[in-house]
Amino acid sequence: MSDALPVVRLTGVTRSFEQGGVRIDVLKGIDLEIGPGQIVALLGPSGSGKSTLLQAVGLLEGGFGGTIEIGGIDAAAEDAAGRAALRRDHLGFVYQFHHLLPDFSALENVILPQLIAGKARARAERRARELLTALGLGERLSHRPSQLSGGEQQRVAVARALANRPGLVLADEPTGNLDEATADIVLQQFLELVRGEGSAALIVTHNERLAFAMDRVYRLHDGRLA
């Protein structure tokens, strides 16, 4: 790894739950560092804590022990507004289900997060067109999600995640809702675009074949990374 500041660094991250009076340790001291431009796969069986770890990195909920640094900033030292700013300025998210806004076109779905981040409308639209065209959706810009196929919807979600040029993209089974052939195409486009943008990515998957197309592969087992 170069001397560049990691986009994310986890040190001794833990997460426990109480269920029926029993303590369940899901994460047991996770250490993870991802540098700029690195694409990392996270493998593990269902229930192993992969999504919980992604929630930790994404600052999506509290209750975690240890240290989570995003772009060199200790998230625990930030208030709710500060953590929201870290998510907005440093992170992009892609989920198994696209979660697009149904009443907005593909173009508008990619413009909106940029407007929220304070970008001018014209600049945001140029960026949205650029990303969607790179993903093969140049002729589908005005279509709403209901008019797009599953693969097309997920490509819009990928464009939305990259719209604000995040240092790190977090993807939770990003092709898990697609058939195998479509999943391969979408993942390849996703990886090419992330690499082209110079972003890093942490991608949760259970598909080992897809995982080994990435730069590094970790397995989450019994609350620990291997």
C-alpha atoms as a PDB file:
ATOM      1  CA  MET A   1       0.000   0.000   0.000  1.00  0.00           C
ATOM      2  CA  SER A   2       1.172   3.526  -0.721  1.00  0.00           C
ATOM      3  CA  ASP A   3       1.636   6.261   1.850  1.00  0.00           C
ATOM      4  CA  ALA A   4      -1.694   7.815   0.850  1.00  0.00           C
ATOM      5  CA  LEU A   5      -4.209   8.215   3.647  1.00  0.00           C
ATOM      6  CA  PRO A   6      -6.575   5.197   3.795  1.00  0.00           C
ATOM      7  CA  VAL A   7     -10.130   5.920   2.748  1.00  0.00           C
ATOM      8  CA  VAL A   8     -11.265   3.819   5.701  1.00  0.00           C
ATOM      9  CA  ARG A   9      -9.511   2.283   8.705  1.00  0.00           C
ATOM     10  CA  LEU A  10     -11.218   0.045  11.252  1.00  0.00           C
ATOM     11  CA  THR A  11      -9.377  -0.813  14.462  1.00  0.00           C
ATOM     12  CA  GLY A  12     -10.779  -3.349  16.919  1.00  0.00           C
ATOM     13  CA  VAL A  13     -14.372  -2.837  15.786  1.00  0.00           C
ATOM     14  CA  THR A  14     -16.920  -4.854  17.744  1.00  0.00           C
ATOM     15  CA  ARG A  15     -20.705  -5.212  17.694  1.00  0.00           C
ATOM     16  CA  SER A  16     -22.899  -7.193  20.074  1.00  0.00           C
ATOM     17  CA  PHE A  17     -26.640  -7.726  20.448  1.00  0.00           C
ATOM     18  CA  GLU A  18     -28.886  -8.997  23.207  1.00  0.00           C
ATOM     19  CA  GLN A  19     -31.388 -11.625  22.128  1.00  0.00           C
ATOM     20  CA  GLY A  20     -33.595 -13.440  24.610  1.00  0.00           C
ATOM     21  CA  GLY A  21     -31.283 -12.430  27.418  1.00  0.00           C
ATOM     22  CA  VAL A  22     -28.288 -13.873  25.569  1.00  0.00           C
ATOM     23  CA  ARG A  23     -25.381 -11.757  24.354  1.00  0.00           C
ATOM     24  CA  ILE A  24     -24.451 -12.377  20.708  1.00  0.00           C
ATOM     25  CA  ASP A  25     -21.073 -11.104  19.549  1.00  0.00           C
ATOM     26  CA  VAL A  26     -21.363 -10.451  15.818  1.00  0.00           C
ATOM     27  CA  LEU A  27     -18.081  -8.600  15.241  1.00  0.00           C
ATOM     28  CA  LYS A  28     -15.142  -9.510  17.468  1.00  0.00           C
ATOM     29  CA  GLY A  29     -12.412  -6.980  16.902  1.00  0.00           C
ATOM     30  CA  ILE A  30     -12.286  -6.185  13.187  1.00  0.00           C
ATOM     31  CA  ASP A  31      -9.156  -4.556  11.768  1.00  0.00           C
ATOM     32  CA  LEU A  32      -9.451  -3.398   8.156  1.00  0.00           C
ATOM     33  CA  GLU A  33      -7.745  -0.773   6.037  1.00  0.00           C
ATOM     34  CA  ILE A  34      -8.661   0.153   2.465  1.00  0.00           C
ATOM     35  CA  GLY A  35      -6.471   2.506   0.467  1.00  0.00           C
ATOM     36  CA  PRO A  36      -7.468   4.807  -2.398  1.00  0.00           C
ATOM     37  CA  GLY A  37      -8.590   2.920  -5.481  1.00  0.00           C
ATOM     38  CA  GLN A  38      -8.578  -0.521  -3.853  1.00  0.00           C
ATOM     39  CA  ILE A  39     -11.536  -2.822  -4.535  1.00  0.00           C
ATOM     40  CA  VAL A  40     -12.113  -5.296  -1.714  1.00  0.00           C
ATOM     41  CA  ALA A  41     -14.536  -8.216  -1.571  1.00  0.00           C
ATOM     42  CA  LEU A  42     -16.067  -9.409   1.692  1.00  0.00           C
ATOM     43  CA  LEU A  43     -17.207 -13.035   1.669  1.00  0.00           C
ATOM     44  CA  GLY A  44     -19.089 -14.985   4.297  1.00  0.00           C
ATOM     45  CA  PRO A  45     -22.192 -17.110   4.816  1.00  0.00           C
ATOM     46  CA  SER A  46     -25.581 -15.620   5.569  1.00  0.00           C
ATOM     47  CA  GLY A  47     -25.700 -14.356   9.138  1.00  0.00           C
ATOM     48  CA  SER A  48     -21.925 -14.013   9.466  1.00  0.00           C
ATOM     49  CA  GLY A  49     -22.116 -10.255  10.011  1.00  0.00           C
ATOM     50  CA  LYS A  50     -21.182  -8.974   6.549  1.00  0.00           C
ATOM     51  CA  SER A  51     -24.012  -6.434   6.420  1.00  0.00           C
ATOM     52  CA  THR A  52     -23.319  -5.430  10.026  1.00  0.00           C
ATOM     53  CA  LEU A  53     -19.714  -4.674   9.096  1.00  0.00           C
ATOM     54  CA  LEU A  54     -20.890  -2.645   6.113  1.00  0.00           C
ATOM     55  CA  GLN A  55     -23.206  -0.680   8.430  1.00  0.00           C
ATOM     56  CA  ALA A  56     -20.195   0.074  10.623  1.00  0.00           C
ATOM     57  CA  VAL A  57     -18.141   1.402   7.717  1.00  0.00           C
ATOM     58  CA  GLY A  58     -21.150   3.315   6.388  1.00  0.00           C
ATOM     59  CA  LEU A  59     -21.818   4.972   9.774  1.00  0.00           C
ATOM     60  CA  LEU A  60     -25.427   3.853   9.403  1.00  0.00           C
ATOM     61  CA  GLU A  61     -26.043   3.018  13.050  1.00  0.00           C
ATOM     62  CA  GLY A  62     -24.402   3.247  16.457  1.00  0.00           C
ATOM     63  CA  GLY A  63     -23.483   0.637  19.033  1.00  0.00           C
ATOM     64  CA  PHE A  64     -20.061  -0.269  17.622  1.00  0.00           C
ATOM     65  CA  GLY A  65     -16.917  -0.525  19.708  1.00  0.00           C
ATOM     66  CA  GLY A  66     -13.426   0.249  18.448  1.00  0.00           C
ATOM     67  CA  THR A  67     -12.375   2.986  16.048  1.00  0.00           C
ATOM     68  CA  ILE A  68     -13.799   3.825  12.623  1.00  0.00           C
ATOM     69  CA  GLU A  69     -11.893   6.410  10.604  1.00  0.00           C
ATOM     70  CA  ILE A  70     -13.227   7.752   7.301  1.00  0.00           C
ATOM     71  CA  GLY A  71     -10.708   9.790   5.339  1.00  0.00           C
ATOM     72  CA  GLY A  72      -8.603  10.076   8.478  1.00  0.00           C
ATOM     73  CA  ILE A  73     -11.486  11.419  10.579  1.00  0.00           C
ATOM     74  CA  ASP A  74     -12.543   9.491  13.697  1.00  0.00           C
ATOM     75  CA  ALA A  75     -16.300   9.046  13.284  1.00  0.00           C
ATOM     76  CA  ALA A  76     -16.801   8.624  17.032  1.00  0.00           C
ATOM     77  CA  ALA A  77     -15.551  12.180  17.569  1.00  0.00           C
ATOM     78  CA  GLU A  78     -18.277  13.573  15.301  1.00  0.00           C
ATOM     79  CA  ASP A  79     -21.862  14.412  16.217  1.00  0.00           C
ATOM     80  CA  ALA A  80     -24.821  13.267  14.095  1.00  0.00           C
ATOM     81  CA  ALA A  81     -24.374  16.154  11.651  1.00  0.00           C
ATOM     82  CA  GLY A  82     -20.669  15.431  11.328  1.00  0.00           C
ATOM     83  CA  ARG A  83     -21.285  11.745  10.619  1.00  0.00           C
ATOM     84  CA  ALA A  84     -23.923  12.674   8.038  1.00  0.00           C
ATOM     85  CA  ALA A  85     -21.364  14.952   6.365  1.00  0.00           C
ATOM     86  CA  LEU A  86     -18.821  12.104   6.307  1.00  0.00           C
ATOM     87  CA  ARG A  87     -21.370   9.848   4.609  1.00  0.00           C
ATOM     88  CA  ARG A  88     -22.298  12.556   2.105  1.00  0.00           C
ATOM     89  CA  ASP A  89     -18.762  13.643   1.256  1.00  0.00           C
ATOM     90  CA  HIS A  90     -16.827  10.376   1.428  1.00  0.00           C
ATOM     91  CA  LEU A  91     -19.181   7.426   0.861  1.00  0.00           C
ATOM     92  CA  GLY A  92     -21.453   6.024  -1.839  1.00  0.00           C
ATOM     93  CA  PHE A  93     -23.905   3.155  -1.343  1.00  0.00           C
ATOM     94  CA  VAL A  94     -25.250   0.388  -3.606  1.00  0.00           C
ATOM     95  CA  TYR A  95     -27.695  -2.147  -2.197  1.00  0.00           C
ATOM     96  CA  GLN A  96     -29.107  -5.443  -3.469  1.00  0.00           C
ATOM     97  CA  PHE A  97     -32.366  -3.621  -4.189  1.00  0.00           C
ATOM     98  CA  HIS A  98     -31.876  -0.375  -6.051  1.00  0.00           C
ATOM     99  CA  HIS A  99     -34.074   1.903  -3.863  1.00  0.00           C
ATOM    100  CA  LEU A 100     -34.531   4.381  -6.711  1.00  0.00           C
ATOM    101  CA  LEU A 101     -37.136   7.115  -6.371  1.00  0.00           C
ATOM    102  CA  PRO A 102     -40.036   5.794  -8.468  1.00  0.00           C
ATOM    103  CA  ASP A 103     -41.430   9.167  -9.549  1.00  0.00           C
ATOM    104  CA  PHE A 104     -38.092  10.418 -10.881  1.00  0.00           C
ATOM    105  CA  SER A 105     -36.331   9.546 -14.126  1.00  0.00           C
ATOM    106  CA  ALA A 106     -32.987   7.761 -14.240  1.00  0.00           C
ATOM    107  CA  LEU A 107     -31.294  11.114 -14.849  1.00  0.00           C
ATOM    108  CA  GLU A 108     -33.114  12.787 -11.955  1.00  0.00           C
ATOM    109  CA  ASN A 109     -32.239   9.940  -9.582  1.00  0.00           C
ATOM    110  CA  VAL A 110     -28.547  10.626 -10.230  1.00  0.00           C
ATOM    111  CA  ILE A 111     -28.903  14.409 -10.163  1.00  0.00           C
ATOM    112  CA  LEU A 112     -30.689  14.562  -6.805  1.00  0.00           C
ATOM    113  CA  PRO A 113     -27.856  13.493  -4.459  1.00  0.00           C
ATOM    114  CA  GLN A 114     -25.628  16.055  -6.119  1.00  0.00           C
ATOM    115  CA  LEU A 115     -28.138  18.829  -5.498  1.00  0.00           C
ATOM    116  CA  ILE A 116     -28.351  17.747  -1.854  1.00  0.00           C
ATOM    117  CA  ALA A 117     -24.559  18.070  -1.702  1.00  0.00           C
ATOM    118  CA  GLY A 118     -24.852  21.654  -2.966  1.00  0.00           C
ATOM    119  CA  LYS A 119     -23.832  21.257  -6.607  1.00  0.00           C
ATOM    120  CA  ALA A 120     -25.336  23.478  -9.281  1.00  0.00           C
ATOM    121  CA  ARG A 121     -28.097  21.898 -11.351  1.00  0.00           C
ATOM    122  CA  ALA A 122     -26.263  22.194 -14.693  1.00  0.00           C
ATOM    123  CA  ARG A 123     -23.118  20.632 -13.277  1.00  0.00           C
ATOM    124  CA  ALA A 124     -25.100  17.844 -11.625  1.00  0.00           C
ATOM    125  CA  GLU A 125     -26.916  17.051 -14.846  1.00  0.00           C
ATOM    126  CA  ARG A 126     -23.655  16.860 -16.815  1.00  0.00           C
ATOM    127  CA  ARG A 127     -22.225  14.472 -14.253  1.00  0.00           C
ATOM    128  CA  ALA A 128     -25.368  12.317 -14.272  1.00  0.00           C
ATOM    129  CA  ARG A 129     -25.392  12.084 -18.064  1.00  0.00           C
ATOM    130  CA  GLU A 130     -21.706  11.169 -18.093  1.00  0.00           C
ATOM    131  CA  LEU A 131     -22.136   8.321 -15.579  1.00  0.00           C
ATOM    132  CA  LEU A 132     -25.315   6.887 -17.074  1.00  0.00           C
ATOM    133  CA  THR A 133     -23.870   6.979 -20.575  1.00  0.00           C
ATOM    134  CA  ALA A 134     -20.747   5.169 -19.351  1.00  0.00           C
ATOM    135  CA  LEU A 135     -23.069   2.460 -18.010  1.00  0.00           C
ATOM    136  CA  GLY A 136     -24.853   2.074 -21.343  1.00  0.00           C
ATOM    137  CA  LEU A 137     -27.964   4.015 -20.360  1.00  0.00           C
ATOM    138  CA  GLY A 138     -27.548   7.034 -22.624  1.00  0.00           C
ATOM    139  CA  GLU A 139     -30.836   6.254 -24.377  1.00  0.00           C
ATOM    140  CA  ARG A 140     -32.730   5.631 -21.124  1.00  0.00           C
ATOM    141  CA  LEU A 141     -32.143   8.886 -19.259  1.00  0.00           C
ATOM    142  CA  SER A 142     -35.796   9.972 -19.197  1.00  0.00           C
ATOM    143  CA  HIS A 143     -37.167   6.568 -18.182  1.00  0.00           C
ATOM    144  CA  ARG A 144     -38.535   6.008 -14.697  1.00  0.00           C
ATOM    145  CA  PRO A 145     -37.455   2.915 -12.710  1.00  0.00           C
ATOM    146  CA  SER A 146     -40.662   1.032 -13.597  1.00  0.00           C
ATOM    147  CA  GLN A 147     -39.711   1.382 -17.273  1.00  0.00           C
ATOM    148  CA  LEU A 148     -36.257  -0.109 -16.766  1.00  0.00           C
ATOM    149  CA  SER A 149     -35.127  -3.711 -16.459  1.00  0.00           C
ATOM    150  CA  GLY A 150     -33.622  -4.981 -13.207  1.00  0.00           C
ATOM    151  CA  GLY A 151     -30.108  -4.660 -14.584  1.00  0.00           C
ATOM    152  CA  GLU A 152     -30.786  -1.138 -15.820  1.00  0.00           C
ATOM    153  CA  GLN A 153     -32.207  -0.112 -12.454  1.00  0.00           C
ATOM    154  CA  GLN A 154     -29.106  -1.374 -10.702  1.00  0.00           C
ATOM    155  CA  ARG A 155     -26.885   0.526 -13.137  1.00  0.00           C
ATOM    156  CA  VAL A 156     -28.742   3.715 -12.220  1.00  0.00           C
ATOM    157  CA  ALA A 157     -28.113   2.876  -8.554  1.00  0.00           C
ATOM    158  CA  VAL A 158     -24.397   2.497  -9.331  1.00  0.00           C
ATOM    159  CA  ALA A 159     -24.353   5.880 -11.091  1.00  0.00           C
ATOM    160  CA  ARG A 160     -26.142   7.464  -8.133  1.00  0.00           C
ATOM    161  CA  ALA A 161     -23.573   6.016  -5.711  1.00  0.00           C
ATOM    162  CA  LEU A 162     -20.712   7.521  -7.711  1.00  0.00           C
ATOM    163  CA  ALA A 163     -22.378  10.850  -8.460  1.00  0.00           C
ATOM    164  CA  ASN A 164     -20.599  12.797  -5.715  1.00  0.00           C
ATOM    165  CA  ARG A 165     -17.198  11.208  -6.419  1.00  0.00           C
ATOM    166  CA  PRO A 166     -16.943   9.297  -3.114  1.00  0.00           C
ATOM    167  CA  GLY A 167     -13.620   8.010  -1.894  1.00  0.00           C
ATOM    168  CA  LEU A 168     -15.286   4.712  -0.980  1.00  0.00           C
ATOM    169  CA  VAL A 169     -18.285   2.895  -2.441  1.00  0.00           C
ATOM    170  CA  LEU A 170     -20.037   0.371  -0.188  1.00  0.00           C
ATOM    171  CA  ALA A 171     -21.991  -2.334  -2.003  1.00  0.00           C
ATOM    172  CA  ASP A 172     -24.147  -4.952  -0.265  1.00  0.00           C
ATOM    173  CA  GLU A 173     -24.790  -7.864  -2.668  1.00  0.00           C
ATOM    174  CA  PRO A 174     -25.099  -5.339  -5.536  1.00  0.00           C
ATOM    175  CA  THR A 175     -26.007  -8.008  -8.100  1.00  0.00           C
ATOM    176  CA  GLY A 176     -27.763 -10.440  -5.766  1.00  0.00           C
ATOM    177  CA  ASN A 177     -31.195  -9.666  -7.193  1.00  0.00           C
ATOM    178  CA  LEU A 178     -30.158 -10.298 -10.819  1.00  0.00           C
ATOM    179  CA  ASP A 179     -29.810 -13.424 -12.929  1.00  0.00           C
ATOM    180  CA  GLU A 180     -26.263 -14.715 -13.377  1.00  0.00           C
ATOM    181  CA  ALA A 181     -25.661 -13.351 -16.872  1.00  0.00           C
ATOM    182  CA  THR A 182     -26.971  -9.878 -16.009  1.00  0.00           C
ATOM    183  CA  ALA A 183     -25.101  -9.920 -12.694  1.00  0.00           C
ATOM    184  CA  ASP A 184     -21.807 -10.546 -14.495  1.00  0.00           C
ATOM    185  CA  ILE A 185     -22.400  -7.651 -16.896  1.00  0.00           C
ATOM    186  CA  VAL A 186     -23.484  -5.196 -14.198  1.00  0.00           C
ATOM    187  CA  LEU A 187     -20.610  -6.133 -11.877  1.00  0.00           C
ATOM    188  CA  GLN A 188     -18.057  -5.759 -14.651  1.00  0.00           C
ATOM    189  CA  GLN A 189     -19.437  -2.320 -15.544  1.00  0.00           C
ATOM    190  CA  PHE A 190     -19.490  -1.398 -11.857  1.00  0.00           C
ATOM    191  CA  LEU A 191     -15.855  -2.397 -11.331  1.00  0.00           C
ATOM    192  CA  GLU A 192     -14.698  -0.641 -14.509  1.00  0.00           C
ATOM    193  CA  LEU A 193     -16.483   2.557 -13.548  1.00  0.00           C
ATOM    194  CA  VAL A 194     -15.225   2.511  -9.947  1.00  0.00           C
ATOM    195  CA  ARG A 195     -11.665   1.964 -11.173  1.00  0.00           C
ATOM    196  CA  GLY A 196     -12.055   4.671 -13.785  1.00  0.00           C
ATOM    197  CA  GLU A 197     -13.273   7.107 -11.139  1.00  0.00           C
ATOM    198  CA  GLY A 198     -10.377   6.241  -8.835  1.00  0.00           C
ATOM    199  CA  SER A 199     -12.725   5.313  -5.991  1.00  0.00           C
ATOM    200  CA  ALA A 200     -12.196   2.449  -3.575  1.00  0.00           C
ATOM    201  CA  ALA A 201     -14.929  -0.116  -2.939  1.00  0.00           C
ATOM    202  CA  LEU A 202     -15.936  -2.633  -0.275  1.00  0.00           C
ATOM    203  CA  ILE A 203     -18.283  -5.172  -1.833  1.00  0.00           C
ATOM    204  CA  VAL A 204     -20.213  -7.707   0.224  1.00  0.00           C
ATOM    205  CA  THR A 205     -21.038 -10.873  -1.676  1.00  0.00           C
ATOM    206  CA  HIS A 206     -21.521 -14.599  -1.207  1.00  0.00           C
ATOM    207  CA  ASN A 207     -20.392 -15.293  -4.792  1.00  0.00           C
ATOM    208  CA  GLU A 208     -16.761 -16.394  -4.739  1.00  0.00           C
ATOM    209  CA  ARG A 209     -16.450 -16.307  -8.523  1.00  0.00           C
ATOM    210  CA  LEU A 210     -17.368 -12.617  -8.582  1.00  0.00           C
ATOM    211  CA  ALA A 211     -15.264 -11.862  -5.514  1.00  0.00           C
ATOM    212  CA  PHE A 212     -12.042 -13.018  -7.116  1.00  0.00           C
ATOM    213  CA  ALA A 213     -12.433 -10.403  -9.847  1.00  0.00           C
ATOM    214  CA  MET A 214     -11.506  -7.854  -7.160  1.00  0.00           C
ATOM    215  CA  ASP A 215      -8.166  -6.727  -5.724  1.00  0.00           C
ATOM    216  CA  ARG A 216      -8.409  -8.320  -2.281  1.00  0.00           C
ATOM    217  CA  VAL A 217     -10.755 -10.851  -0.721  1.00  0.00           C
ATOM    218  CA  TYR A 218     -11.578 -11.158   2.980  1.00  0.00           C
ATOM    219  CA  ARG A 219     -13.732 -13.782   4.661  1.00  0.00           C
ATOM    220  CA  LEU A 220     -15.810 -12.998   7.722  1.00  0.00           C
ATOM    221  CA  HIS A 221     -16.040 -16.024   9.994  1.00  0.00           C
ATOM    222  CA  ASP A 222     -17.034 -16.198  13.645  1.00  0.00           C
ATOM    223  CA  GLY A 223     -16.905 -12.421  13.909  1.00  0.00           C
ATOM    224  CA  ARG A 224     -13.363 -12.105  12.597  1.00  0.00           C
ATOM    225  CA  LEU A 225     -11.741 -11.285   9.252  1.00  0.00           C
ATOM    226  CA  ALA A 226      -9.426 -13.705   7.490  1.00  0.00           C
END
